[in-house]
């Protein structure tokens, strides 16, 4: 698929704020929010979370990123979605022909 076709599918904007710190009670403080073009899909999917438990993801987001977001990052969905800041359940990466990351799929 040509890259221009891929870009045409990313019709929404999603914000990601990386974690800045975690205190001793495991409360996460996030950094500055950065907006990315994305494709947001609502679909129930069973995924394995960071604790290796099977959980239900109700939304997944396709992002054209070359670096995986942290599991503790705060994802902000467009206004049409509720809740707007669901926790990240799982992250998948998809490679390009040179072995690098072409895009990621974040399950929320």
C-alpha atoms as a PDB file:
ATOM      1  CA  UNK A   1       0.000   0.000   0.000  1.00  0.00           C
ATOM      2  CA  UNK A   2       1.500   3.380  -0.922  1.00  0.00           C
ATOM      3  CA  UNK A   3       2.148   5.661   2.045  1.00  0.00           C
ATOM      4  CA  UNK A   4      -0.343   8.205   0.684  1.00  0.00           C
ATOM      5  CA  UNK A   5      -3.089   5.566   0.951  1.00  0.00           C
ATOM      6  CA  UNK A   6      -2.087   4.880   4.556  1.00  0.00           C
ATOM      7  CA  UNK A   7      -2.228   8.588   5.421  1.00  0.00           C
ATOM      8  CA  UNK A   8      -5.745   8.855   3.932  1.00  0.00           C
ATOM      9  CA  UNK A   9      -7.006   6.341   6.523  1.00  0.00           C
ATOM     10  CA  UNK A  10      -5.799   8.440   9.480  1.00  0.00           C
ATOM     11  CA  UNK A  11      -8.819  10.745   9.626  1.00  0.00           C
ATOM     12  CA  UNK A  12      -8.977  11.616  13.332  1.00  0.00           C
ATOM     13  CA  UNK A  13      -6.681  13.212  15.902  1.00  0.00           C
ATOM     14  CA  UNK A  14      -5.622  11.463  19.110  1.00  0.00           C
ATOM     15  CA  UNK A  15      -3.522  12.967  21.895  1.00  0.00           C
ATOM     16  CA  UNK A  16      -0.822  11.011  23.728  1.00  0.00           C
ATOM     17  CA  UNK A  17       0.792  12.315  26.908  1.00  0.00           C
ATOM     18  CA  UNK A  18       3.825  10.228  27.915  1.00  0.00           C
ATOM     19  CA  UNK A  19       4.357   9.405  31.578  1.00  0.00           C
ATOM     20  CA  UNK A  20       6.669  11.887  33.308  1.00  0.00           C
ATOM     21  CA  UNK A  21       6.910  10.153  36.685  1.00  0.00           C
ATOM     22  CA  UNK A  22       5.404   7.428  38.856  1.00  0.00           C
ATOM     23  CA  UNK A  23       5.227   7.842  42.639  1.00  0.00           C
ATOM     24  CA  UNK A  24       5.562   5.105  45.265  1.00  0.00           C
ATOM     25  CA  UNK A  25       1.786   4.485  45.106  1.00  0.00           C
ATOM     26  CA  UNK A  26       2.072   3.945  41.335  1.00  0.00           C
ATOM     27  CA  UNK A  27       0.203   7.155  40.487  1.00  0.00           C
ATOM     28  CA  UNK A  28       1.339   8.351  37.067  1.00  0.00           C
ATOM     29  CA  UNK A  29       2.014  11.996  36.268  1.00  0.00           C
ATOM     30  CA  UNK A  30       1.948  12.631  32.523  1.00  0.00           C
ATOM     31  CA  UNK A  31       3.987  15.017  30.423  1.00  0.00           C
ATOM     32  CA  UNK A  32       2.906  17.263  27.585  1.00  0.00           C
ATOM     33  CA  UNK A  33       0.159  15.982  25.300  1.00  0.00           C
ATOM     34  CA  UNK A  34       1.146  15.530  21.629  1.00  0.00           C
ATOM     35  CA  UNK A  35      -1.500  15.155  18.904  1.00  0.00           C
ATOM     36  CA  UNK A  36      -1.202  12.503  16.185  1.00  0.00           C
ATOM     37  CA  UNK A  37      -3.258  11.627  13.128  1.00  0.00           C
ATOM     38  CA  UNK A  38      -5.034   8.359  13.851  1.00  0.00           C
ATOM     39  CA  UNK A  39      -7.707   5.892  12.874  1.00  0.00           C
ATOM     40  CA  UNK A  40     -10.025   5.075  15.790  1.00  0.00           C
ATOM     41  CA  UNK A  41     -12.020   1.836  15.592  1.00  0.00           C
ATOM     42  CA  UNK A  42     -14.639   0.641  18.076  1.00  0.00           C
ATOM     43  CA  UNK A  43     -14.549  -3.145  18.283  1.00  0.00           C
ATOM     44  CA  UNK A  44     -14.531  -5.534  21.232  1.00  0.00           C
ATOM     45  CA  UNK A  45     -11.309  -7.545  21.189  1.00  0.00           C
ATOM     46  CA  UNK A  46      -9.731  -9.740  23.869  1.00  0.00           C
ATOM     47  CA  UNK A  47      -6.103  -8.734  24.392  1.00  0.00           C
ATOM     48  CA  UNK A  48      -3.344  -9.526  26.865  1.00  0.00           C
ATOM     49  CA  UNK A  49      -2.397  -6.519  29.020  1.00  0.00           C
ATOM     50  CA  UNK A  50       1.002  -5.640  30.531  1.00  0.00           C
ATOM     51  CA  UNK A  51       0.222  -7.881  33.548  1.00  0.00           C
ATOM     52  CA  UNK A  52      -0.353 -10.812  31.128  1.00  0.00           C
ATOM     53  CA  UNK A  53      -4.103 -10.903  31.888  1.00  0.00           C
ATOM     54  CA  UNK A  54      -6.812 -11.286  29.252  1.00  0.00           C
ATOM     55  CA  UNK A  55      -8.887  -8.082  29.143  1.00  0.00           C
ATOM     56  CA  UNK A  56     -11.518  -6.635  26.824  1.00  0.00           C
ATOM     57  CA  UNK A  57     -10.481  -3.758  24.593  1.00  0.00           C
ATOM     58  CA  UNK A  58     -13.411  -1.739  23.249  1.00  0.00           C
ATOM     59  CA  UNK A  59     -11.455   0.720  21.104  1.00  0.00           C
ATOM     60  CA  UNK A  60      -8.233   0.430  19.158  1.00  0.00           C
ATOM     61  CA  UNK A  61      -6.237   3.223  17.587  1.00  0.00           C
ATOM     62  CA  UNK A  62      -3.949   2.964  14.556  1.00  0.00           C
ATOM     63  CA  UNK A  63      -1.068   5.463  14.692  1.00  0.00           C
ATOM     64  CA  UNK A  64       1.758   6.173  12.275  1.00  0.00           C
ATOM     65  CA  UNK A  65       4.530   6.058  14.900  1.00  0.00           C
ATOM     66  CA  UNK A  66       8.045   4.670  14.699  1.00  0.00           C
ATOM     67  CA  UNK A  67       8.364   4.329  18.498  1.00  0.00           C
ATOM     68  CA  UNK A  68       5.959   2.455  20.767  1.00  0.00           C
ATOM     69  CA  UNK A  69       4.071   4.552  23.321  1.00  0.00           C
ATOM     70  CA  UNK A  70       4.524   3.657  26.987  1.00  0.00           C
ATOM     71  CA  UNK A  71       1.759   1.564  28.587  1.00  0.00           C
ATOM     72  CA  UNK A  72       1.383   4.312  31.218  1.00  0.00           C
ATOM     73  CA  UNK A  73       0.820   7.053  28.621  1.00  0.00           C
ATOM     74  CA  UNK A  74      -2.481   8.925  28.672  1.00  0.00           C
ATOM     75  CA  UNK A  75      -4.388   8.623  25.384  1.00  0.00           C
ATOM     76  CA  UNK A  76      -7.076  11.229  24.683  1.00  0.00           C
ATOM     77  CA  UNK A  77      -9.667  10.225  22.088  1.00  0.00           C
ATOM     78  CA  UNK A  78     -11.750  12.633  19.964  1.00  0.00           C
ATOM     79  CA  UNK A  79     -14.866  14.187  21.546  1.00  0.00           C
ATOM     80  CA  UNK A  80     -17.216  11.644  19.912  1.00  0.00           C
ATOM     81  CA  UNK A  81     -15.818   8.797  22.067  1.00  0.00           C
ATOM     82  CA  UNK A  82     -16.642   8.020  25.672  1.00  0.00           C
ATOM     83  CA  UNK A  83     -14.672   7.614  27.828  1.00  0.00           C
ATOM     84  CA  UNK A  84     -12.164   9.985  26.237  1.00  0.00           C
ATOM     85  CA  UNK A  85      -9.142   8.757  28.237  1.00  0.00           C
ATOM     86  CA  UNK A  86      -9.383   4.968  28.617  1.00  0.00           C
ATOM     87  CA  UNK A  87      -6.282   3.142  29.873  1.00  0.00           C
ATOM     88  CA  UNK A  88      -3.951   1.420  27.424  1.00  0.00           C
ATOM     89  CA  UNK A  89      -4.583  -2.342  27.518  1.00  0.00           C
ATOM     90  CA  UNK A  90      -2.104  -3.539  24.899  1.00  0.00           C
ATOM     91  CA  UNK A  91       0.166  -2.282  22.097  1.00  0.00           C
ATOM     92  CA  UNK A  92       1.096  -3.987  18.822  1.00  0.00           C
ATOM     93  CA  UNK A  93       3.728  -2.811  16.356  1.00  0.00           C
ATOM     94  CA  UNK A  94       3.848  -3.476  12.620  1.00  0.00           C
ATOM     95  CA  UNK A  95       7.140  -3.363  10.764  1.00  0.00           C
ATOM     96  CA  UNK A  96       8.159  -2.000   7.421  1.00  0.00           C
ATOM     97  CA  UNK A  97      10.292  -3.701   4.770  1.00  0.00           C
ATOM     98  CA  UNK A  98      13.539  -2.411   6.329  1.00  0.00           C
ATOM     99  CA  UNK A  99      12.806  -3.880   9.760  1.00  0.00           C
ATOM    100  CA  UNK A 100      11.740  -0.652  11.466  1.00  0.00           C
ATOM    101  CA  UNK A 101       8.347   0.154  12.988  1.00  0.00           C
ATOM    102  CA  UNK A 102       5.867   1.473  10.389  1.00  0.00           C
ATOM    103  CA  UNK A 103       2.812   1.908  12.611  1.00  0.00           C
ATOM    104  CA  UNK A 104       1.345   0.825  15.932  1.00  0.00           C
ATOM    105  CA  UNK A 105      -2.056  -0.361  17.101  1.00  0.00           C
ATOM    106  CA  UNK A 106      -2.986   0.709  20.628  1.00  0.00           C
ATOM    107  CA  UNK A 107      -5.805  -1.209  22.330  1.00  0.00           C
ATOM    108  CA  UNK A 108      -7.805   0.802  24.887  1.00  0.00           C
END
